[in-house]
Amino acid sequence: MFSKSCKYAMRAVLYLAIHSDAEHKLGVKEISEALEVPGPFLAKLLQQLSRHHLISSTKGPNGGFFLSEANSKADLRGVVESIDGPEVFSSCILGLPVCSSTNPCPLHSRALIYRQGLLELVEDQTIKEVAQRVERQELKI
């Protein structure tokens, strides 16, 4: 249900949660190499996340991207909505423009259960909690 851009953004946020802080900022090149994501594409995603205050950044010779303590307390819903938009949790799964609760598509009621579950999943834990689980399980981001 999430776009490739959104998945890259979530991975980048988790990478920053594990590998950065206010004293250790990371550049786009380092993050893109670690995640195997094209640098210019990742740079746009990181700028968007920064504009939405989901990650922090500083400019200059010692600049880069990092997760502040406040950033790490946010949930993944913000990341998803900043990249894919809030409609990802409410739009028609078939992409039909006229689908709604009063005019449902054939999959509307069944998809509603999954969309609600997905929303709860990304709201239920903070970025820090998810990153800690990733780190504990030694998962490659």
N, C-alpha and C. Protein backbone atom coordinates (compact mmCIF):
# COMPACT_ATOMS: atom_id res chain seq x y z
N MET A 1 0.80 -1.20 0.00
CA MET A 1 0.00 0.00 0.00
C MET A 1 0.85 1.26 0.00
N PHE A 2 2.07 1.18 0.48
CA PHE A 2 2.93 2.36 0.49
C PHE A 2 3.74 2.42 -0.80
N SER A 3 4.01 3.63 -1.25
CA SER A 3 4.83 3.83 -2.44
C SER A 3 6.28 3.46 -2.14
N LYS A 4 7.04 3.29 -3.20
CA LYS A 4 8.47 3.01 -3.06
C LYS A 4 9.14 4.19 -2.34
N SER A 5 8.72 5.40 -2.67
CA SER A 5 9.27 6.60 -2.01
C SER A 5 9.03 6.54 -0.51
N CYS A 6 7.84 6.14 -0.12
CA CYS A 6 7.49 6.07 1.29
C CYS A 6 8.34 5.01 2.01
N LYS A 7 8.53 3.89 1.36
CA LYS A 7 9.36 2.83 1.96
C LYS A 7 10.80 3.30 2.13
N TYR A 8 11.32 4.00 1.12
CA TYR A 8 12.67 4.58 1.23
C TYR A 8 12.73 5.57 2.39
N ALA A 9 11.71 6.40 2.51
CA ALA A 9 11.68 7.40 3.58
C ALA A 9 11.66 6.74 4.96
N MET A 10 10.85 5.70 5.10
CA MET A 10 10.80 4.99 6.39
C MET A 10 12.15 4.37 6.71
N ARG A 11 12.78 3.77 5.71
CA ARG A 11 14.10 3.18 5.93
C ARG A 11 15.12 4.25 6.32
N ALA A 12 15.06 5.40 5.66
CA ALA A 12 15.99 6.49 5.97
C ALA A 12 15.80 6.99 7.40
N VAL A 13 14.56 7.14 7.81
CA VAL A 13 14.26 7.60 9.17
C VAL A 13 14.78 6.58 10.19
N LEU A 14 14.57 5.31 9.93
CA LEU A 14 15.07 4.28 10.85
C LEU A 14 16.59 4.26 10.88
N TYR A 15 17.21 4.44 9.72
CA TYR A 15 18.67 4.49 9.66
C TYR A 15 19.19 5.67 10.49
N LEU A 16 18.56 6.81 10.33
CA LEU A 16 18.96 7.98 11.12
C LEU A 16 18.74 7.74 12.61
N ALA A 17 17.66 7.07 12.97
CA ALA A 17 17.38 6.79 14.38
C ALA A 17 18.47 5.94 15.01
N ILE A 18 19.03 5.04 14.23
CA ILE A 18 20.06 4.13 14.74
C ILE A 18 21.45 4.75 14.68
N HIS A 19 21.74 5.51 13.63
CA HIS A 19 23.12 5.93 13.37
C HIS A 19 23.41 7.42 13.57
N SER A 20 22.44 8.21 13.99
CA SER A 20 22.71 9.64 14.11
C SER A 20 22.15 10.22 15.40
N ASP A 21 22.64 11.40 15.72
CA ASP A 21 22.08 12.24 16.79
C ASP A 21 22.59 13.66 16.53
N ALA A 22 22.29 14.58 17.42
CA ALA A 22 22.66 15.98 17.21
C ALA A 22 24.17 16.17 17.08
N GLU A 23 24.94 15.28 17.66
CA GLU A 23 26.40 15.37 17.59
C GLU A 23 26.99 14.60 16.42
N HIS A 24 26.23 13.71 15.84
CA HIS A 24 26.71 12.88 14.72
C HIS A 24 25.69 12.92 13.60
N LYS A 25 25.87 13.88 12.72
CA LYS A 25 24.95 14.07 11.59
C LYS A 25 25.45 13.28 10.39
N LEU A 26 24.53 12.89 9.54
CA LEU A 26 24.88 12.10 8.36
C LEU A 26 24.52 12.84 7.09
N GLY A 27 25.38 12.69 6.08
CA GLY A 27 25.12 13.29 4.78
C GLY A 27 24.30 12.37 3.90
N VAL A 28 23.75 12.94 2.84
CA VAL A 28 22.93 12.18 1.90
C VAL A 28 23.72 11.03 1.31
N LYS A 29 24.98 11.28 0.96
CA LYS A 29 25.80 10.24 0.32
C LYS A 29 25.94 9.02 1.23
N GLU A 30 26.26 9.25 2.48
CA GLU A 30 26.43 8.14 3.43
C GLU A 30 25.13 7.34 3.59
N ILE A 31 24.03 8.05 3.73
CA ILE A 31 22.73 7.38 3.91
C ILE A 31 22.35 6.62 2.64
N SER A 32 22.51 7.27 1.49
CA SER A 32 22.11 6.62 0.23
C SER A 32 22.95 5.38 -0.05
N GLU A 33 24.22 5.42 0.27
CA GLU A 33 25.07 4.24 0.07
C GLU A 33 24.66 3.11 1.02
N ALA A 34 24.39 3.45 2.25
CA ALA A 34 24.00 2.43 3.23
C ALA A 34 22.67 1.78 2.86
N LEU A 35 21.75 2.58 2.33
CA LEU A 35 20.42 2.07 2.01
C LEU A 35 20.30 1.59 0.56
N GLU A 36 21.35 1.86 -0.22
CA GLU A 36 21.35 1.51 -1.64
C GLU A 36 20.18 2.16 -2.36
N VAL A 37 20.06 3.47 -2.14
CA VAL A 37 19.00 4.29 -2.73
C VAL A 37 19.70 5.42 -3.49
N PRO A 38 19.22 5.78 -4.68
CA PRO A 38 19.84 6.87 -5.44
C PRO A 38 19.91 8.17 -4.61
N GLY A 39 21.09 8.77 -4.57
CA GLY A 39 21.32 9.96 -3.76
C GLY A 39 20.39 11.13 -4.02
N PRO A 40 20.24 11.57 -5.29
CA PRO A 40 19.35 12.71 -5.55
C PRO A 40 17.90 12.45 -5.14
N PHE A 41 17.46 11.23 -5.36
CA PHE A 41 16.10 10.84 -4.98
C PHE A 41 15.94 10.89 -3.46
N LEU A 42 16.91 10.32 -2.76
CA LEU A 42 16.88 10.32 -1.30
C LEU A 42 16.96 11.74 -0.75
N ALA A 43 17.77 12.59 -1.38
CA ALA A 43 17.90 13.98 -0.92
C ALA A 43 16.55 14.68 -0.92
N LYS A 44 15.75 14.46 -1.95
CA LYS A 44 14.42 15.08 -2.01
C LYS A 44 13.52 14.56 -0.89
N LEU A 45 13.60 13.26 -0.63
CA LEU A 45 12.79 12.68 0.44
C LEU A 45 13.21 13.24 1.80
N LEU A 46 14.52 13.33 2.02
CA LEU A 46 15.01 13.86 3.30
C LEU A 46 14.61 15.32 3.49
N GLN A 47 14.65 16.10 2.42
CA GLN A 47 14.22 17.50 2.51
C GLN A 47 12.74 17.58 2.87
N GLN A 48 11.96 16.72 2.27
CA GLN A 48 10.52 16.70 2.56
C GLN A 48 10.28 16.31 4.03
N LEU A 49 10.99 15.30 4.51
CA LEU A 49 10.85 14.88 5.90
C LEU A 49 11.29 15.99 6.85
N SER A 50 12.33 16.70 6.48
CA SER A 50 12.82 17.81 7.29
C SER A 50 11.80 18.95 7.33
N ARG A 51 11.19 19.26 6.18
CA ARG A 51 10.16 20.31 6.13
C ARG A 51 8.97 19.97 7.02
N HIS A 52 8.69 18.67 7.17
CA HIS A 52 7.58 18.24 8.02
C HIS A 52 8.03 17.99 9.47
N HIS A 53 9.27 18.35 9.79
CA HIS A 53 9.83 18.24 11.14
C HIS A 53 9.86 16.79 11.65
N LEU A 54 10.05 15.85 10.73
CA LEU A 54 10.15 14.44 11.11
C LEU A 54 11.60 14.02 11.28
N ILE A 55 12.51 14.77 10.66
CA ILE A 55 13.94 14.62 10.88
C ILE A 55 14.50 16.03 11.03
N SER A 56 15.71 16.13 11.53
CA SER A 56 16.35 17.43 11.70
C SER A 56 17.53 17.54 10.76
N SER A 57 17.90 18.76 10.43
CA SER A 57 19.06 18.96 9.56
C SER A 57 19.73 20.28 9.91
N THR A 58 21.01 20.33 9.62
CA THR A 58 21.77 21.57 9.75
C THR A 58 22.61 21.73 8.51
N LYS A 59 22.86 22.97 8.13
CA LYS A 59 23.67 23.27 6.96
C LYS A 59 25.09 23.56 7.40
N GLY A 60 25.99 23.57 6.43
CA GLY A 60 27.36 23.95 6.72
C GLY A 60 28.30 22.76 6.70
N PRO A 61 29.58 23.04 7.00
CA PRO A 61 30.61 21.99 6.93
C PRO A 61 30.37 20.82 7.87
N ASN A 62 29.76 21.07 9.00
CA ASN A 62 29.46 19.99 9.95
C ASN A 62 27.98 19.63 9.93
N GLY A 63 27.32 19.99 8.85
CA GLY A 63 25.89 19.77 8.74
C GLY A 63 25.54 18.37 8.30
N GLY A 64 24.27 18.14 8.20
CA GLY A 64 23.76 16.85 7.78
C GLY A 64 22.40 16.60 8.39
N PHE A 65 21.96 15.38 8.28
CA PHE A 65 20.65 14.99 8.79
C PHE A 65 20.83 14.15 10.05
N PHE A 66 19.86 14.28 10.95
CA PHE A 66 19.88 13.49 12.18
C PHE A 66 18.48 13.44 12.76
N LEU A 67 18.30 12.57 13.73
CA LEU A 67 17.04 12.50 14.45
C LEU A 67 17.25 13.09 15.83
N SER A 68 16.49 14.11 16.15
CA SER A 68 16.53 14.68 17.49
C SER A 68 15.70 13.79 18.41
N GLU A 69 15.78 14.07 19.69
CA GLU A 69 14.97 13.30 20.65
C GLU A 69 13.49 13.47 20.34
N ALA A 70 13.10 14.69 20.00
CA ALA A 70 11.69 14.94 19.66
C ALA A 70 11.29 14.18 18.39
N ASN A 71 12.16 14.18 17.38
CA ASN A 71 11.87 13.43 16.15
C ASN A 71 11.65 11.96 16.44
N SER A 72 12.47 11.40 17.30
CA SER A 72 12.41 9.96 17.56
C SER A 72 11.15 9.55 18.32
N LYS A 73 10.46 10.53 18.90
CA LYS A 73 9.22 10.23 19.63
C LYS A 73 7.99 10.25 18.72
N ALA A 74 8.18 10.68 17.47
CA ALA A 74 7.07 10.69 16.51
C ALA A 74 6.77 9.25 16.07
N ASP A 75 5.60 9.05 15.50
CA ASP A 75 5.28 7.72 14.97
C ASP A 75 5.50 7.71 13.45
N LEU A 76 5.42 6.54 12.86
CA LEU A 76 5.66 6.41 11.42
C LEU A 76 4.52 6.97 10.57
N ARG A 77 3.38 7.22 11.18
CA ARG A 77 2.27 7.79 10.40
C ARG A 77 2.68 9.12 9.76
N GLY A 78 3.39 9.93 10.51
CA GLY A 78 3.85 11.21 9.97
C GLY A 78 4.73 11.03 8.76
N VAL A 79 5.60 10.04 8.81
CA VAL A 79 6.48 9.75 7.67
C VAL A 79 5.64 9.34 6.47
N VAL A 80 4.72 8.43 6.68
CA VAL A 80 3.86 7.94 5.60
C VAL A 80 3.06 9.10 5.00
N GLU A 81 2.44 9.90 5.84
CA GLU A 81 1.59 10.98 5.35
C GLU A 81 2.40 12.09 4.68
N SER A 82 3.63 12.32 5.13
CA SER A 82 4.44 13.37 4.50
C SER A 82 4.87 12.98 3.09
N ILE A 83 4.99 11.70 2.83
CA ILE A 83 5.43 11.24 1.50
C ILE A 83 4.24 10.84 0.63
N ASP A 84 3.36 10.01 1.14
CA ASP A 84 2.24 9.50 0.34
C ASP A 84 0.94 10.28 0.52
N GLY A 85 0.90 11.15 1.52
CA GLY A 85 -0.31 11.93 1.78
C GLY A 85 -1.25 11.17 2.70
N PRO A 86 -2.11 11.89 3.41
CA PRO A 86 -3.03 11.24 4.36
C PRO A 86 -4.06 10.34 3.68
N GLU A 87 -4.30 10.57 2.39
CA GLU A 87 -5.30 9.76 1.68
C GLU A 87 -4.88 8.31 1.52
N VAL A 88 -3.62 7.99 1.78
CA VAL A 88 -3.17 6.60 1.68
C VAL A 88 -3.98 5.71 2.62
N PHE A 89 -4.50 6.29 3.70
CA PHE A 89 -5.28 5.51 4.66
C PHE A 89 -6.78 5.56 4.40
N SER A 90 -7.19 6.32 3.39
CA SER A 90 -8.62 6.44 3.15
C SER A 90 -9.03 6.30 1.69
N SER A 91 -8.09 6.39 0.77
CA SER A 91 -8.45 6.34 -0.65
C SER A 91 -8.84 4.93 -1.08
N CYS A 92 -9.51 4.87 -2.19
CA CYS A 92 -9.97 3.59 -2.74
C CYS A 92 -8.79 2.70 -3.09
N ILE A 93 -8.85 1.46 -2.68
CA ILE A 93 -7.77 0.52 -2.95
C ILE A 93 -7.63 0.22 -4.45
N LEU A 94 -8.73 0.40 -5.19
CA LEU A 94 -8.70 0.22 -6.64
C LEU A 94 -8.37 1.52 -7.38
N GLY A 95 -8.30 2.61 -6.63
CA GLY A 95 -8.00 3.90 -7.24
C GLY A 95 -9.19 4.57 -7.89
N LEU A 96 -10.39 4.10 -7.58
CA LEU A 96 -11.59 4.69 -8.18
C LEU A 96 -11.91 6.03 -7.51
N PRO A 97 -12.16 7.07 -8.29
CA PRO A 97 -12.41 8.39 -7.70
C PRO A 97 -13.77 8.53 -7.02
N VAL A 98 -14.71 7.65 -7.33
CA VAL A 98 -16.06 7.79 -6.77
C VAL A 98 -16.33 6.85 -5.59
N CYS A 99 -15.35 6.10 -5.16
CA CYS A 99 -15.53 5.15 -4.07
C CYS A 99 -15.65 5.89 -2.73
N SER A 100 -16.65 5.53 -1.95
CA SER A 100 -16.85 6.10 -0.61
C SER A 100 -17.74 5.14 0.18
N SER A 101 -17.98 5.48 1.42
CA SER A 101 -18.84 4.61 2.23
C SER A 101 -20.28 4.61 1.71
N THR A 102 -20.69 5.69 1.06
CA THR A 102 -22.04 5.73 0.49
C THR A 102 -22.10 5.17 -0.93
N ASN A 103 -20.95 5.12 -1.60
CA ASN A 103 -20.87 4.58 -2.95
C ASN A 103 -19.64 3.67 -3.04
N PRO A 104 -19.65 2.53 -2.33
CA PRO A 104 -18.45 1.70 -2.21
C PRO A 104 -18.13 0.90 -3.47
N CYS A 105 -16.82 0.70 -3.68
CA CYS A 105 -16.37 -0.19 -4.74
C CYS A 105 -16.52 -1.63 -4.22
N PRO A 106 -16.31 -2.64 -5.06
CA PRO A 106 -16.48 -4.03 -4.62
C PRO A 106 -15.55 -4.45 -3.47
N LEU A 107 -14.41 -3.76 -3.31
CA LEU A 107 -13.47 -4.14 -2.25
C LEU A 107 -13.51 -3.20 -1.04
N HIS A 108 -14.35 -2.20 -1.08
CA HIS A 108 -14.34 -1.13 -0.07
C HIS A 108 -14.42 -1.64 1.38
N SER A 109 -15.42 -2.42 1.69
CA SER A 109 -15.62 -2.82 3.09
C SER A 109 -14.49 -3.73 3.58
N ARG A 110 -14.01 -4.62 2.73
CA ARG A 110 -12.91 -5.50 3.15
C ARG A 110 -11.60 -4.73 3.26
N ALA A 111 -11.37 -3.80 2.35
CA ALA A 111 -10.14 -3.00 2.38
C ALA A 111 -10.11 -2.08 3.59
N LEU A 112 -11.27 -1.63 4.03
CA LEU A 112 -11.37 -0.74 5.17
C LEU A 112 -10.72 -1.35 6.41
N ILE A 113 -10.93 -2.63 6.61
CA ILE A 113 -10.35 -3.34 7.76
C ILE A 113 -8.82 -3.31 7.69
N TYR A 114 -8.28 -3.55 6.50
CA TYR A 114 -6.83 -3.57 6.34
C TYR A 114 -6.23 -2.17 6.46
N ARG A 115 -6.91 -1.18 5.89
CA ARG A 115 -6.41 0.20 6.00
C ARG A 115 -6.39 0.64 7.46
N GLN A 116 -7.44 0.29 8.20
CA GLN A 116 -7.49 0.66 9.62
C GLN A 116 -6.38 -0.05 10.39
N GLY A 117 -6.15 -1.31 10.08
CA GLY A 117 -5.07 -2.05 10.73
C GLY A 117 -3.71 -1.46 10.41
N LEU A 118 -3.52 -1.04 9.17
CA LEU A 118 -2.27 -0.43 8.75
C LEU A 118 -2.06 0.91 9.47
N LEU A 119 -3.11 1.67 9.58
CA LEU A 119 -3.04 2.95 10.30
C LEU A 119 -2.65 2.72 11.75
N GLU A 120 -3.29 1.77 12.40
CA GLU A 120 -2.96 1.46 13.80
C GLU A 120 -1.51 0.99 13.92
N LEU A 121 -1.04 0.24 12.95
CA LEU A 121 0.33 -0.28 12.97
C LEU A 121 1.35 0.85 12.96
N VAL A 122 1.15 1.86 12.12
CA VAL A 122 2.13 2.94 12.03
C VAL A 122 1.94 4.00 13.12
N GLU A 123 0.81 3.98 13.81
CA GLU A 123 0.58 4.91 14.92
C GLU A 123 0.98 4.32 16.27
N ASP A 124 1.06 3.02 16.34
CA ASP A 124 1.19 2.30 17.60
C ASP A 124 2.56 2.42 18.26
N GLN A 125 3.61 2.69 17.48
CA GLN A 125 4.96 2.70 18.03
C GLN A 125 5.71 3.93 17.54
N THR A 126 6.62 4.40 18.35
CA THR A 126 7.42 5.55 17.94
C THR A 126 8.53 5.09 16.99
N ILE A 127 9.11 6.06 16.31
CA ILE A 127 10.25 5.77 15.43
C ILE A 127 11.35 5.11 16.24
N LYS A 128 11.59 5.64 17.42
CA LYS A 128 12.64 5.09 18.29
C LYS A 128 12.37 3.63 18.63
N GLU A 129 11.13 3.30 18.95
CA GLU A 129 10.79 1.91 19.30
C GLU A 129 11.00 0.97 18.12
N VAL A 130 10.58 1.40 16.94
CA VAL A 130 10.76 0.56 15.75
C VAL A 130 12.25 0.40 15.46
N ALA A 131 13.01 1.49 15.55
CA ALA A 131 14.45 1.44 15.30
C ALA A 131 15.15 0.51 16.29
N GLN A 132 14.74 0.55 17.54
CA GLN A 132 15.34 -0.34 18.55
C GLN A 132 15.07 -1.80 18.22
N ARG A 133 13.89 -2.09 17.72
CA ARG A 133 13.57 -3.47 17.34
C ARG A 133 14.39 -3.91 16.12
N VAL A 134 14.54 -3.01 15.18
CA VAL A 134 15.35 -3.31 13.99
C VAL A 134 16.78 -3.61 14.42
N GLU A 135 17.31 -2.78 15.30
CA GLU A 135 18.68 -2.94 15.78
C GLU A 135 18.84 -4.23 16.59
N ARG A 136 17.89 -4.49 17.46
CA ARG A 136 17.94 -5.69 18.30
C ARG A 136 17.91 -6.96 17.45
N GLN A 137 17.11 -6.94 16.40
CA GLN A 137 16.99 -8.11 15.53
C GLN A 137 18.07 -8.15 14.45
N GLU A 138 18.95 -7.14 14.49
CA GLU A 138 20.06 -7.05 13.53
C GLU A 138 19.57 -7.13 12.08
N LEU A 139 18.49 -6.41 11.81
CA LEU A 139 17.94 -6.39 10.46
C LEU A 139 18.68 -5.38 9.61
N LYS A 140 18.87 -5.70 8.35
CA LYS A 140 19.47 -4.74 7.41
C LYS A 140 18.37 -3.78 7.00
N ILE A 141 18.66 -2.51 7.12
CA ILE A 141 17.65 -1.49 6.76
C ILE A 141 17.69 -1.26 5.26
